[in-house]
Amino acid sequence: MCPLCTTPLCLLIEDLFDDRYGAPGHYSIYQCSKCGFGRIRPALKEKEIGQFYAKYYPLSSATPQSVINSVQHMSQLRAWWLGVDSVAHHYIKPMESVLDIGSASGVSLLEIEKLGGKAYGVEPDPTAAKIAKKLGLRVFTGFITDNPFPKIKFDAITASQVVEHTPDPIMFLKSVHTKLKDGGYVVLTFPNLDACYRRIWGRYWIHWHVPYHFNFFTRKSFITLANQAGFRVVKIRTITPNLWSAIQLQMFVHKAKIGKMHPLWAKQHAGRIKNGKKISFFERLFQFILMRIFLIIVAPLNRFIDFLGQGESFIVWLKKDD
């Protein structure tokens, strides 16, 4: 049954596998015919998530210096054109206390501090705690449902590409509501199940991302979820990062193998190894030129798709009324 509207779920797509990091297992996605909410089956248990991510996600390769080097800042116009204005914490205001859920390596927390906010993070991967300690960051190892930083209520809560990873999205948003000050706001981003690219790429759509994505939202299903958690949806739109389009094309051309980490996601490959052999300078240069041409072509297409509300990612502003 759909957890949002109690309508039976119907099979949408089956026999998916982890096409990024090579984790074992086969998975299916079921969708509600009424609100459009999608759900993975079978799903990881909540107690398994931290260690599973530590084993298969690439956070273990991060170092304090690489985190510092990853901090970025760009103009709003450039961010919009590149499609990277879908980063939730980029919308916080100076002097605000901000809780970033899914803070991963801590780049988001450093960027929040750079924007003038006071940053706190929540991250289930235990590797993050080690990096955070070295960088002097405030990070709780666990989930928002664990009531992190129990004595603090926040001006703003952000979560970029996180709500789709949570086993219980209703409890997730209710916990967010509890941690927010009256009059506070939330900025969330997450994949759009109704994206036109999802229909084009089918089973090769990169945002199935099983078994890491538990939930798949349409506009209608997320508004239903937000209202159930006590939030008012202030604004919702779609944005498609151009880089996602480039990754999608590469993943389609070089299809993943079951149980194997895809070379595109393997840090040790770093874009320089192909089938166990080093890629020559000229081949890398050719690939670089082709990718830049592709991005020049796809950028205006992505902005048009976003204008139609059919982009890859939702960005949503929620308000907790006084």
Protein backbone atom coordinates (compact mmCIF):
# COMPACT_ATOMS: atom_id res chain seq x y z
CA MET A 1 0.00 0.00 0.00
CA CYS A 2 1.08 3.58 -0.65
CA PRO A 3 2.24 5.11 2.67
CA LEU A 4 0.92 8.52 1.58
CA CYS A 5 -2.61 7.75 0.34
CA THR A 6 -3.12 4.00 1.13
CA THR A 7 -3.71 3.10 -2.53
CA PRO A 8 -2.25 -0.23 -3.74
CA LEU A 9 1.14 -0.02 -5.45
CA CYS A 10 1.63 -1.40 -8.96
CA LEU A 11 4.85 -2.66 -10.56
CA LEU A 12 6.57 0.11 -12.53
CA ILE A 13 9.92 -1.48 -13.40
CA GLU A 14 11.77 -4.60 -12.29
CA ASP A 15 15.16 -6.34 -12.25
CA LEU A 16 17.23 -3.23 -11.52
CA PHE A 17 20.68 -3.47 -9.94
CA ASP A 18 23.33 -1.15 -8.51
CA ASP A 19 24.87 0.24 -11.70
CA ARG A 20 27.28 2.58 -9.89
CA TYR A 21 29.08 0.82 -7.05
CA GLY A 22 28.34 -2.84 -7.72
CA ALA A 23 26.43 -3.70 -4.54
CA PRO A 24 24.66 -7.08 -4.80
CA GLY A 25 20.94 -7.60 -5.32
CA HIS A 26 18.06 -7.14 -7.76
CA TYR A 27 15.31 -4.61 -7.13
CA SER A 28 11.93 -3.44 -8.43
CA ILE A 29 10.08 -0.12 -8.24
CA TYR A 30 6.36 -0.01 -7.45
CA GLN A 31 4.21 3.08 -8.00
CA CYS A 32 0.93 4.38 -6.60
CA SER A 33 -1.68 4.87 -9.32
CA LYS A 34 -3.34 7.72 -7.38
CA CYS A 35 -0.59 10.07 -6.12
CA GLY A 36 2.35 8.73 -8.15
CA PHE A 37 4.62 7.89 -5.20
CA GLY A 38 7.20 5.19 -5.99
CA ARG A 39 8.87 2.71 -3.64
CA ILE A 40 11.72 0.21 -3.97
CA ARG A 41 11.30 -3.49 -3.14
CA PRO A 42 13.08 -5.08 -1.39
CA ALA A 43 14.43 -2.21 0.71
CA LEU A 44 17.45 -1.95 3.00
CA LYS A 45 16.71 -1.95 6.72
CA GLU A 46 17.46 1.32 8.49
CA LYS A 47 20.05 -0.30 10.77
CA GLU A 48 21.94 -1.53 7.69
CA ILE A 49 22.24 1.83 5.94
CA GLY A 50 25.26 3.31 7.73
CA GLN A 51 27.54 0.31 7.21
CA PHE A 52 26.18 -0.31 3.70
CA TYR A 53 27.04 3.23 2.66
CA ALA A 54 30.44 3.01 4.33
CA LYS A 55 31.18 -0.11 2.27
CA TYR A 56 29.82 0.89 -1.13
CA TYR A 57 29.56 4.69 -1.27
CA PRO A 58 32.72 6.67 -2.18
CA LEU A 59 32.86 8.82 0.96
CA SER A 60 35.68 6.67 2.33
CA SER A 61 38.01 8.14 -0.34
CA ALA A 62 37.50 11.72 0.90
CA THR A 63 40.24 13.51 2.86
CA PRO A 64 40.05 16.76 4.83
CA GLN A 65 42.03 18.54 2.12
CA SER A 66 39.85 17.19 -0.70
CA VAL A 67 36.78 18.40 1.20
CA ILE A 68 38.26 21.90 1.55
CA ASN A 69 39.22 21.94 -2.13
CA SER A 70 35.64 21.04 -3.13
CA VAL A 71 34.08 24.16 -1.61
CA GLN A 72 32.55 26.26 -4.40
CA HIS A 73 30.82 29.56 -4.92
CA MET A 74 29.44 30.95 -8.19
CA SER A 75 26.98 33.55 -9.40
CA GLN A 76 23.27 32.68 -9.42
CA LEU A 77 23.08 33.13 -13.20
CA ARG A 78 25.96 30.72 -13.85
CA ALA A 79 24.59 28.23 -11.34
CA TRP A 80 21.20 28.35 -13.10
CA TRP A 81 22.75 27.84 -16.55
CA LEU A 82 24.81 24.88 -15.34
CA GLY A 83 21.82 23.48 -13.47
CA VAL A 84 23.62 23.43 -10.12
CA ASP A 85 21.22 25.80 -8.38
CA SER A 86 19.54 22.63 -7.14
CA VAL A 87 21.89 22.58 -4.13
CA ALA A 88 19.59 23.21 -1.16
CA HIS A 89 22.01 24.88 1.25
CA HIS A 90 22.98 27.56 -1.30
CA TYR A 91 19.70 29.32 -0.42
CA ILE A 92 20.40 29.93 3.26
CA LYS A 93 20.81 33.44 4.66
CA PRO A 94 23.64 34.89 6.78
CA MET A 95 23.40 34.53 10.56
CA GLU A 96 21.00 31.58 10.35
CA SER A 97 21.50 28.34 12.23
CA VAL A 98 21.31 25.64 9.57
CA LEU A 99 20.99 21.88 9.85
CA ASP A 100 22.08 20.11 6.67
CA ILE A 101 20.80 16.54 6.49
CA GLY A 102 23.03 14.16 4.59
CA SER A 103 26.08 16.36 5.03
CA ALA A 104 28.38 13.58 3.75
CA SER A 105 32.02 14.69 3.63
CA GLY A 106 31.21 18.13 5.07
CA VAL A 107 31.55 20.27 1.94
CA SER A 108 28.02 21.60 2.47
CA LEU A 109 28.85 22.65 6.03
CA LEU A 110 31.93 24.57 4.92
CA GLU A 111 29.86 26.28 2.22
CA ILE A 112 27.15 27.20 4.75
CA GLU A 113 29.81 28.77 6.98
CA LYS A 114 31.19 30.63 3.97
CA LEU A 115 27.69 32.02 3.30
CA GLY A 116 27.55 33.33 6.87
CA GLY A 117 25.43 30.60 8.46
CA LYS A 118 26.14 28.46 11.51
CA ALA A 119 26.33 24.92 10.18
CA TYR A 120 25.36 21.59 11.72
CA GLY A 121 25.26 18.26 9.89
CA VAL A 122 23.55 14.87 10.10
CA GLU A 123 25.10 11.92 8.26
CA PRO A 124 24.64 8.13 8.78
CA ASP A 125 27.99 7.16 7.23
CA PRO A 126 30.44 6.78 10.17
CA THR A 127 33.31 7.83 7.90
CA ALA A 128 31.89 11.37 7.94
CA ALA A 129 32.45 11.68 11.68
CA LYS A 130 36.20 11.14 11.25
CA ILE A 131 36.47 13.78 8.54
CA ALA A 132 34.26 16.21 10.49
CA LYS A 133 36.42 15.91 13.59
CA LYS A 134 39.56 16.75 11.61
CA LEU A 135 37.83 19.78 10.06
CA GLY A 136 36.25 20.97 13.31
CA LEU A 137 32.70 20.51 11.98
CA ARG A 138 29.56 19.77 14.00
CA VAL A 139 28.23 16.47 12.62
CA PHE A 140 25.86 13.98 14.23
CA THR A 141 26.34 10.39 13.09
CA GLY A 142 22.87 9.00 12.50
CA PHE A 143 19.51 10.19 11.18
CA ILE A 144 17.23 13.19 11.61
CA THR A 145 14.78 10.81 13.30
CA ASP A 146 17.39 10.30 16.07
CA ASN A 147 16.83 13.92 17.24
CA PRO A 148 20.36 15.24 16.61
CA PHE A 149 21.50 18.28 18.62
CA PRO A 150 18.50 17.91 20.99
CA LYS A 151 18.81 21.36 22.58
CA ILE A 152 18.76 23.27 19.28
CA LYS A 153 15.96 24.32 16.95
CA PHE A 154 17.08 25.67 13.58
CA ASP A 155 16.24 28.66 11.42
CA ALA A 156 16.64 26.55 8.30
CA ILE A 157 17.00 22.87 7.43
CA THR A 158 18.40 21.74 4.10
CA ALA A 159 18.70 18.36 2.42
CA SER A 160 20.08 17.89 -1.10
CA GLN A 161 19.13 14.56 -2.67
CA VAL A 162 18.35 12.99 0.71
CA VAL A 163 14.61 12.39 1.19
CA GLU A 164 14.68 9.71 -1.50
CA HIS A 165 17.24 7.83 0.64
CA THR A 166 15.16 7.66 3.82
CA PRO A 167 13.24 4.47 4.76
CA ASP A 168 10.27 6.43 6.16
CA PRO A 169 9.69 9.75 4.36
CA ILE A 170 6.71 10.69 6.55
CA MET A 171 8.71 10.29 9.77
CA PHE A 172 11.63 12.07 8.08
CA LEU A 173 9.61 15.24 7.38
CA LYS A 174 7.85 15.12 10.76
CA SER A 175 11.28 14.99 12.43
CA VAL A 176 12.39 17.95 10.30
CA HIS A 177 9.26 19.81 11.44
CA THR A 178 10.17 19.13 15.08
CA LYS A 179 13.73 20.45 14.69
CA LEU A 180 12.65 23.70 12.99
CA LYS A 181 11.88 26.98 14.72
CA ASP A 182 8.40 28.44 14.27
CA GLY A 183 8.52 30.47 11.07
CA GLY A 184 11.54 28.50 9.88
CA TYR A 185 11.91 27.10 6.39
CA VAL A 186 13.16 23.96 4.66
CA VAL A 187 14.82 23.57 1.27
CA LEU A 188 14.86 20.08 -0.25
CA THR A 189 15.98 18.64 -3.57
CA PHE A 190 15.24 15.15 -4.90
CA PRO A 191 14.71 13.37 -8.24
CA ASN A 192 11.51 13.87 -10.22
CA LEU A 193 9.81 10.59 -11.10
CA ASP A 194 7.84 12.43 -13.79
CA ALA A 195 11.00 13.76 -15.47
CA CYS A 196 10.93 13.48 -19.25
CA TYR A 197 14.42 11.95 -19.21
CA ARG A 198 13.10 9.13 -17.03
CA ARG A 199 10.73 8.19 -19.85
CA ILE A 200 13.46 8.55 -22.48
CA TRP A 201 16.12 6.46 -20.71
CA GLY A 202 13.77 3.90 -19.15
CA ARG A 203 15.58 1.28 -17.09
CA TYR A 204 18.90 3.07 -17.72
CA TRP A 205 17.75 6.25 -15.94
CA ILE A 206 20.53 7.10 -13.49
CA HIS A 207 18.14 8.15 -10.71
CA TRP A 208 16.75 4.71 -10.06
CA HIS A 209 20.05 4.40 -8.16
CA VAL A 210 19.05 1.21 -6.36
CA PRO A 211 19.28 0.16 -3.60
CA TYR A 212 20.20 3.61 -2.24
CA HIS A 213 16.96 5.33 -3.33
CA PHE A 214 13.98 4.11 -1.32
CA ASN A 215 11.41 6.68 -2.53
CA PHE A 216 10.44 8.29 -5.84
CA PHE A 217 8.29 11.41 -5.91
CA THR A 218 6.00 13.15 -8.34
CA ARG A 219 4.88 16.72 -7.66
CA LYS A 220 1.51 15.49 -6.38
CA SER A 221 2.95 12.83 -4.08
CA PHE A 222 5.47 15.17 -2.48
CA ILE A 223 2.88 17.88 -1.81
CA THR A 224 0.75 15.17 -0.17
CA LEU A 225 3.73 14.16 1.98
CA ALA A 226 4.57 17.74 2.99
CA ASN A 227 1.00 18.49 4.03
CA GLN A 228 0.83 15.34 6.14
CA ALA A 229 4.00 16.44 7.97
CA GLY A 230 2.54 19.87 8.78
CA PHE A 231 4.34 21.96 6.14
CA ARG A 232 3.10 24.46 3.62
CA VAL A 233 4.71 24.21 0.17
CA VAL A 234 5.87 27.74 -0.67
CA LYS A 235 7.54 27.00 -3.99
CA ILE A 236 8.38 24.00 -6.15
CA ARG A 237 10.19 23.84 -9.48
CA THR A 238 12.50 21.52 -11.41
CA ILE A 239 16.14 21.88 -12.32
CA THR A 240 18.36 19.58 -14.39
CA PRO A 241 22.11 19.69 -13.75
CA ASN A 242 23.95 19.60 -17.07
CA LEU A 243 26.52 17.30 -15.48
CA TRP A 244 23.76 14.76 -14.80
CA SER A 245 22.96 14.72 -18.51
CA ALA A 246 26.62 14.07 -19.32
CA ILE A 247 26.80 11.27 -16.76
CA GLN A 248 23.55 9.79 -18.09
CA LEU A 249 24.96 9.62 -21.62
CA GLN A 250 28.22 8.02 -20.46
CA MET A 251 26.35 5.48 -18.33
CA PHE A 252 24.19 4.56 -21.30
CA VAL A 253 27.11 4.20 -23.73
CA HIS A 254 29.22 2.20 -21.26
CA LYS A 255 26.58 0.06 -19.58
CA ALA A 256 27.15 -1.26 -16.08
CA LYS A 257 27.78 -4.90 -15.24
CA ILE A 258 26.06 -6.59 -12.32
CA GLY A 259 28.27 -6.71 -9.21
CA LYS A 260 30.95 -4.46 -10.73
CA MET A 261 31.71 -0.83 -9.90
CA HIS A 262 31.18 1.28 -12.99
CA PRO A 263 34.47 2.89 -14.13
CA LEU A 264 32.80 6.29 -14.18
CA TRP A 265 32.27 6.07 -10.42
CA ALA A 266 35.56 4.45 -9.51
CA LYS A 267 37.91 7.03 -7.98
CA GLN A 268 40.98 5.05 -8.92
CA HIS A 269 40.04 5.27 -12.61
CA ALA A 270 39.86 9.08 -12.46
CA GLY A 271 38.89 9.19 -16.11
CA ARG A 272 42.27 7.75 -17.16
CA ILE A 273 41.77 3.98 -17.25
CA LYS A 274 39.69 2.02 -19.74
CA ASN A 275 39.38 -1.78 -19.59
CA GLY A 276 42.55 -1.95 -17.49
CA LYS A 277 44.62 0.16 -19.92
CA LYS A 278 45.69 3.76 -19.59
CA ILE A 279 43.88 6.20 -21.87
CA SER A 280 46.22 8.26 -24.00
CA PHE A 281 46.45 12.03 -23.74
CA PHE A 282 44.90 12.48 -27.18
CA GLU A 283 41.97 10.19 -26.35
CA ARG A 284 41.35 12.12 -23.13
CA LEU A 285 41.55 15.40 -25.06
CA PHE A 286 39.09 14.09 -27.66
CA GLN A 287 36.68 12.97 -24.92
CA PHE A 288 37.02 16.36 -23.21
CA ILE A 289 36.18 18.24 -26.43
CA LEU A 290 33.20 15.98 -27.19
CA MET A 291 31.84 16.43 -23.67
CA ARG A 292 32.14 20.23 -23.87
CA ILE A 293 30.26 20.23 -27.18
CA PHE A 294 27.58 18.01 -25.66
CA LEU A 295 27.17 20.33 -22.66
CA ILE A 296 26.87 23.39 -24.89
CA ILE A 297 24.05 21.69 -26.79
CA VAL A 298 22.26 20.21 -23.78
CA ALA A 299 22.27 23.33 -21.54
CA PRO A 300 19.51 25.25 -23.39
CA LEU A 301 17.52 22.02 -23.77
CA ASN A 302 17.70 21.37 -20.02
CA ARG A 303 16.63 24.93 -19.18
CA PHE A 304 13.61 24.54 -21.50
CA ILE A 305 12.69 21.20 -19.92
CA ASP A 306 12.93 22.81 -16.48
CA PHE A 307 10.66 25.64 -17.65
CA LEU A 308 8.06 23.01 -18.54
CA GLY A 309 8.40 21.44 -15.07
CA GLN A 310 9.76 18.17 -16.49
CA GLY A 311 13.34 18.47 -15.19
CA GLU A 312 15.35 15.80 -13.42
CA SER A 313 15.26 17.24 -9.91
CA PHE A 314 12.70 19.03 -7.79
CA ILE A 315 13.75 21.89 -5.56
CA VAL A 316 11.14 22.67 -2.92
CA TRP A 317 10.73 25.35 -0.27
CA LEU A 318 8.61 24.43 2.76
CA LYS A 319 7.44 26.73 5.54
CA LYS A 320 6.63 25.98 9.15
CA ASP A 321 4.06 28.63 10.03
CA ASP A 322 4.16 30.46 13.34
